N, C-alpha and C. Protein backbone atom coordinates (compact mmCIF):
# COMPACT_ATOMS: atom_id res chain seq x y z
N MET A 1 0.82 -1.19 0.00
CA MET A 1 0.00 0.00 0.00
C MET A 1 0.87 1.26 0.00
N GLU A 2 1.93 1.24 0.82
CA GLU A 2 2.81 2.41 0.88
C GLU A 2 3.51 2.63 -0.46
N PHE A 3 3.95 1.54 -1.07
CA PHE A 3 4.61 1.64 -2.37
C PHE A 3 3.67 2.25 -3.41
N ARG A 4 2.45 1.80 -3.40
CA ARG A 4 1.46 2.31 -4.35
C ARG A 4 1.17 3.79 -4.10
N ALA A 5 1.07 4.19 -2.86
CA ALA A 5 0.83 5.60 -2.52
C ALA A 5 2.00 6.46 -2.96
N ARG A 6 3.24 5.98 -2.76
CA ARG A 6 4.42 6.74 -3.21
C ARG A 6 4.46 6.86 -4.72
N GLU A 7 4.13 5.77 -5.40
CA GLU A 7 4.12 5.80 -6.87
C GLU A 7 3.08 6.79 -7.40
N MET A 8 1.91 6.78 -6.82
CA MET A 8 0.84 7.69 -7.26
C MET A 8 1.22 9.15 -7.00
N SER A 9 1.82 9.42 -5.85
CA SER A 9 2.23 10.80 -5.56
C SER A 9 3.37 11.23 -6.48
N ALA A 10 4.27 10.31 -6.84
CA ALA A 10 5.35 10.64 -7.78
C ALA A 10 4.79 10.93 -9.17
N ILE A 11 3.79 10.17 -9.59
CA ILE A 11 3.16 10.40 -10.89
C ILE A 11 2.46 11.75 -10.91
N LYS A 12 1.73 12.07 -9.85
CA LYS A 12 1.03 13.36 -9.77
C LYS A 12 2.01 14.52 -9.75
N ALA A 13 3.14 14.35 -9.07
CA ALA A 13 4.13 15.43 -8.98
C ALA A 13 4.81 15.67 -10.32
N SER A 14 4.93 14.63 -11.15
CA SER A 14 5.61 14.78 -12.43
C SER A 14 4.72 15.41 -13.51
N ARG A 15 3.42 15.44 -13.28
CA ARG A 15 2.50 16.04 -14.25
C ARG A 15 2.62 17.56 -14.23
N PRO A 16 2.59 18.19 -15.40
CA PRO A 16 2.62 19.66 -15.42
C PRO A 16 1.27 20.22 -14.95
N THR A 17 1.32 21.36 -14.29
CA THR A 17 0.10 22.01 -13.83
C THR A 17 -0.61 22.62 -15.04
N PRO A 18 -1.88 22.31 -15.25
CA PRO A 18 -2.57 22.87 -16.41
C PRO A 18 -2.77 24.38 -16.24
N ARG A 19 -2.71 25.10 -17.36
CA ARG A 19 -2.91 26.55 -17.29
C ARG A 19 -4.38 26.84 -17.08
N CYS A 20 -4.65 28.03 -16.62
CA CYS A 20 -6.02 28.45 -16.29
C CYS A 20 -6.82 28.62 -17.57
N ARG A 21 -7.83 27.80 -17.76
CA ARG A 21 -8.66 27.89 -18.97
C ARG A 21 -9.53 29.13 -18.97
N ALA A 22 -9.96 29.58 -17.81
CA ALA A 22 -10.78 30.79 -17.75
C ALA A 22 -9.95 32.01 -18.12
N HIS A 23 -8.68 32.03 -17.73
CA HIS A 23 -7.81 33.15 -18.07
C HIS A 23 -7.60 33.24 -19.58
N VAL A 24 -7.41 32.10 -20.22
CA VAL A 24 -7.20 32.07 -21.66
C VAL A 24 -8.43 32.58 -22.40
N ARG A 25 -9.60 32.41 -21.80
CA ARG A 25 -10.85 32.86 -22.43
C ARG A 25 -11.27 34.26 -21.97
N GLY A 26 -10.46 34.90 -21.13
CA GLY A 26 -10.74 36.27 -20.71
C GLY A 26 -11.81 36.40 -19.67
N ARG A 27 -11.89 35.45 -18.74
CA ARG A 27 -12.93 35.55 -17.72
C ARG A 27 -12.53 35.00 -16.35
N CYS A 28 -11.24 34.92 -16.05
CA CYS A 28 -10.80 34.42 -14.74
C CYS A 28 -11.04 35.49 -13.68
N ILE A 29 -11.75 35.13 -12.63
CA ILE A 29 -12.07 36.09 -11.58
C ILE A 29 -11.18 35.93 -10.35
N ASN A 30 -10.20 35.02 -10.40
CA ASN A 30 -9.34 34.77 -9.25
C ASN A 30 -8.09 35.63 -9.23
N GLY A 31 -7.66 36.11 -10.38
CA GLY A 31 -6.46 36.96 -10.45
C GLY A 31 -5.23 36.25 -9.96
N SER A 32 -4.47 36.89 -9.07
CA SER A 32 -3.23 36.31 -8.57
C SER A 32 -3.48 35.16 -7.59
N ALA A 33 -4.70 35.01 -7.11
CA ALA A 33 -5.04 33.93 -6.18
C ALA A 33 -5.44 32.65 -6.92
N CYS A 34 -5.38 32.65 -8.24
CA CYS A 34 -5.78 31.49 -9.03
C CYS A 34 -4.78 30.35 -8.79
N THR A 35 -5.29 29.13 -8.68
CA THR A 35 -4.43 27.98 -8.40
C THR A 35 -3.73 27.46 -9.65
N HIS A 36 -4.19 27.85 -10.83
CA HIS A 36 -3.56 27.45 -12.08
C HIS A 36 -2.77 28.63 -12.64
N PRO A 37 -1.65 28.38 -13.30
CA PRO A 37 -0.83 29.49 -13.79
C PRO A 37 -1.47 30.23 -14.95
N HIS A 38 -1.26 31.55 -14.93
CA HIS A 38 -1.68 32.42 -16.03
C HIS A 38 -0.45 32.67 -16.89
N THR A 39 -0.33 31.94 -17.99
CA THR A 39 0.88 31.98 -18.80
C THR A 39 0.83 33.04 -19.89
N THR A 40 -0.32 33.61 -20.17
CA THR A 40 -0.47 34.59 -21.23
C THR A 40 -0.74 35.96 -20.62
N ASP A 41 -0.14 37.00 -21.23
CA ASP A 41 -0.36 38.37 -20.77
C ASP A 41 -1.82 38.75 -21.01
N PRO A 42 -2.54 39.25 -19.99
CA PRO A 42 -3.95 39.58 -20.17
C PRO A 42 -4.19 40.68 -21.20
N ALA A 43 -3.18 41.50 -21.49
CA ALA A 43 -3.35 42.55 -22.50
C ALA A 43 -3.47 41.95 -23.90
N ASN A 44 -3.11 40.69 -24.07
CA ASN A 44 -3.21 40.02 -25.37
C ASN A 44 -4.46 39.16 -25.50
N ILE A 45 -5.27 39.09 -24.44
CA ILE A 45 -6.46 38.25 -24.44
C ILE A 45 -7.70 39.14 -24.52
N THR A 46 -8.59 38.83 -25.44
CA THR A 46 -9.82 39.60 -25.57
C THR A 46 -10.75 39.28 -24.41
N CYS A 47 -11.33 40.31 -23.84
CA CYS A 47 -12.25 40.14 -22.72
C CYS A 47 -13.47 39.33 -23.16
N ASN A 48 -14.01 38.57 -22.26
CA ASN A 48 -15.18 37.75 -22.52
C ASN A 48 -16.38 38.59 -22.96
N SER A 49 -16.40 39.88 -22.61
CA SER A 49 -17.52 40.74 -23.00
C SER A 49 -17.55 41.01 -24.49
N MET A 50 -16.42 40.83 -25.18
CA MET A 50 -16.36 41.07 -26.62
C MET A 50 -16.51 39.80 -27.45
N VAL A 51 -16.66 38.65 -26.81
CA VAL A 51 -16.78 37.38 -27.52
C VAL A 51 -18.26 37.15 -27.86
N THR A 52 -18.52 36.74 -29.09
CA THR A 52 -19.88 36.45 -29.51
C THR A 52 -19.97 34.99 -29.96
N ALA A 53 -21.17 34.53 -30.19
CA ALA A 53 -21.38 33.15 -30.64
C ALA A 53 -20.83 32.93 -32.04
N ALA A 54 -20.58 34.00 -32.80
CA ALA A 54 -20.07 33.87 -34.16
C ALA A 54 -18.55 33.65 -34.19
N ASP A 55 -17.87 33.86 -33.07
CA ASP A 55 -16.41 33.72 -33.03
C ASP A 55 -16.01 32.25 -33.12
N LYS A 56 -14.79 32.05 -33.58
CA LYS A 56 -14.26 30.68 -33.75
C LYS A 56 -14.09 30.00 -32.39
N GLY A 57 -14.51 28.77 -32.30
CA GLY A 57 -14.34 28.00 -31.08
C GLY A 57 -15.42 28.20 -30.04
N VAL A 58 -16.45 28.96 -30.35
CA VAL A 58 -17.51 29.24 -29.39
C VAL A 58 -18.73 28.41 -29.76
N SER A 59 -19.26 27.69 -28.81
CA SER A 59 -20.45 26.89 -29.05
C SER A 59 -21.67 27.80 -29.09
N ALA A 60 -22.58 27.52 -30.00
CA ALA A 60 -23.81 28.31 -30.11
C ALA A 60 -24.71 28.10 -28.89
N PHE A 61 -24.51 27.01 -28.16
CA PHE A 61 -25.34 26.72 -27.01
C PHE A 61 -24.78 27.28 -25.71
N ASN A 62 -23.53 27.78 -25.74
CA ASN A 62 -22.89 28.32 -24.54
C ASN A 62 -23.33 29.77 -24.36
N ARG A 63 -24.01 30.07 -23.27
CA ARG A 63 -24.53 31.41 -23.02
C ARG A 63 -23.65 32.22 -22.06
N SER A 64 -22.42 31.75 -21.81
CA SER A 64 -21.55 32.46 -20.87
C SER A 64 -20.70 33.52 -21.54
N TYR A 65 -20.85 33.72 -22.84
CA TYR A 65 -20.08 34.72 -23.55
C TYR A 65 -20.87 36.02 -23.65
N GLY A 66 -20.14 37.12 -23.81
CA GLY A 66 -20.78 38.41 -24.02
C GLY A 66 -20.92 39.27 -22.79
N PHE A 67 -20.38 38.86 -21.66
CA PHE A 67 -20.39 39.72 -20.47
C PHE A 67 -19.06 39.58 -19.75
N CYS A 68 -18.72 40.59 -18.98
CA CYS A 68 -17.45 40.61 -18.25
C CYS A 68 -17.69 40.08 -16.84
N ALA A 69 -17.16 38.92 -16.53
CA ALA A 69 -17.34 38.32 -15.21
C ALA A 69 -16.65 39.15 -14.13
N LEU A 70 -15.55 39.79 -14.47
CA LEU A 70 -14.84 40.62 -13.49
C LEU A 70 -15.66 41.86 -13.13
N HIS A 71 -16.35 42.43 -14.10
CA HIS A 71 -17.20 43.60 -13.81
C HIS A 71 -18.34 43.22 -12.88
N LEU A 72 -18.88 42.01 -13.05
CA LEU A 72 -19.96 41.56 -12.18
C LEU A 72 -19.48 41.38 -10.74
N LYS A 73 -18.18 41.11 -10.56
CA LYS A 73 -17.60 40.96 -9.22
C LYS A 73 -17.00 42.27 -8.70
N ASN A 74 -17.24 43.38 -9.42
CA ASN A 74 -16.71 44.71 -9.07
C ASN A 74 -15.19 44.71 -9.00
N MET A 75 -14.55 44.06 -9.98
CA MET A 75 -13.10 44.02 -10.08
C MET A 75 -12.68 44.70 -11.37
N ALA A 76 -11.48 45.26 -11.39
CA ALA A 76 -10.95 45.88 -12.61
C ALA A 76 -10.59 44.78 -13.60
N CYS A 77 -10.97 44.97 -14.85
CA CYS A 77 -10.72 43.96 -15.88
C CYS A 77 -9.37 44.21 -16.54
N PRO A 78 -8.42 43.25 -16.49
CA PRO A 78 -7.12 43.44 -17.12
C PRO A 78 -7.09 43.06 -18.60
N TYR A 79 -8.17 42.47 -19.11
CA TYR A 79 -8.18 41.98 -20.48
C TYR A 79 -8.43 43.12 -21.46
N LYS A 80 -7.98 42.93 -22.72
CA LYS A 80 -8.11 44.00 -23.70
C LYS A 80 -9.54 44.06 -24.25
N ASP A 81 -9.91 45.24 -24.67
CA ASP A 81 -11.20 45.52 -25.31
C ASP A 81 -12.40 45.21 -24.42
N CYS A 82 -12.26 45.34 -23.12
CA CYS A 82 -13.41 45.12 -22.24
C CYS A 82 -14.44 46.21 -22.50
N VAL A 83 -15.69 45.84 -22.56
CA VAL A 83 -16.76 46.80 -22.82
C VAL A 83 -16.77 47.89 -21.76
N HIS A 84 -16.46 47.56 -20.54
CA HIS A 84 -16.54 48.50 -19.44
C HIS A 84 -15.32 49.41 -19.34
N ASN A 85 -14.23 49.06 -20.06
CA ASN A 85 -13.04 49.91 -20.07
C ASN A 85 -12.98 50.83 -21.27
N LEU A 86 -13.84 50.62 -22.26
CA LEU A 86 -13.83 51.47 -23.44
C LEU A 86 -14.38 52.84 -23.08
N VAL A 87 -13.69 53.87 -23.54
CA VAL A 87 -14.09 55.24 -23.24
C VAL A 87 -14.41 55.94 -24.55
N ASN A 88 -15.50 56.65 -24.57
CA ASN A 88 -15.86 57.42 -25.74
C ASN A 88 -15.19 58.78 -25.63
N ASP A 89 -14.13 58.99 -26.42
CA ASP A 89 -13.37 60.23 -26.36
C ASP A 89 -13.97 61.34 -27.21
N GLU A 90 -14.94 61.02 -28.05
CA GLU A 90 -15.53 62.03 -28.90
C GLU A 90 -16.49 62.89 -28.09
N PRO A 91 -16.41 64.21 -28.26
CA PRO A 91 -17.32 65.08 -27.51
C PRO A 91 -18.74 64.94 -28.05
N GLN A 92 -19.70 65.09 -27.16
CA GLN A 92 -21.09 65.03 -27.56
C GLN A 92 -21.43 66.30 -28.31
N THR A 93 -22.00 66.16 -29.49
CA THR A 93 -22.39 67.33 -30.28
C THR A 93 -23.89 67.42 -30.29
N GLU A 94 -24.38 68.66 -30.26
CA GLU A 94 -25.81 68.86 -30.32
C GLU A 94 -26.25 68.85 -31.76
N ASP A 95 -27.32 68.15 -32.02
CA ASP A 95 -27.87 68.17 -33.36
C ASP A 95 -29.14 69.01 -33.36
N ALA A 96 -29.92 68.92 -34.39
CA ALA A 96 -31.13 69.73 -34.51
C ALA A 96 -32.17 69.37 -33.44
N HIS A 97 -32.04 68.20 -32.84
CA HIS A 97 -33.02 67.76 -31.85
C HIS A 97 -32.60 68.06 -30.42
N GLY A 98 -31.46 68.71 -30.22
CA GLY A 98 -31.01 69.05 -28.88
C GLY A 98 -29.98 68.07 -28.38
N SER A 99 -29.53 68.25 -27.16
CA SER A 99 -28.52 67.39 -26.58
C SER A 99 -29.13 66.05 -26.21
N PRO A 100 -28.31 65.02 -26.02
CA PRO A 100 -28.85 63.70 -25.64
C PRO A 100 -29.61 63.75 -24.33
N ASP A 101 -29.18 64.61 -23.39
CA ASP A 101 -29.88 64.70 -22.10
C ASP A 101 -31.28 65.29 -22.28
N GLU A 102 -31.39 66.26 -23.17
CA GLU A 102 -32.70 66.88 -23.42
C GLU A 102 -33.63 65.90 -24.09
N ARG A 103 -33.11 65.05 -24.96
CA ARG A 103 -33.95 64.07 -25.64
C ARG A 103 -34.46 63.03 -24.66
N MET A 104 -33.69 62.70 -23.63
CA MET A 104 -34.09 61.70 -22.66
C MET A 104 -35.27 62.21 -21.82
N GLU A 105 -35.30 63.51 -21.57
CA GLU A 105 -36.34 64.06 -20.73
C GLU A 105 -37.68 64.13 -21.44
N THR A 106 -37.68 64.23 -22.75
CA THR A 106 -38.93 64.37 -23.48
C THR A 106 -39.58 63.06 -23.75
């Protein structure tokens, strides 16, 4: 029994630790506390909020795409192109119908 336990622990120790699959898909909410290694720079990974069912490798039946899991946990999103990090730098211009705030009130 002891021999078998030692062999099993040696086999488990020799296996490489799998990388974080949620991080690769742009939705890991554990950050530095994640038990699996984050081997890819988050600035190179598209945020889950920008992934649609039309993208390659996405199942049409999977409904977990299209939102930022980190934003739901009130955490800053390190992934690129996050919907919540995009800033509209263009100034609001008034058109013939008035400002956007005035249109909301009517």
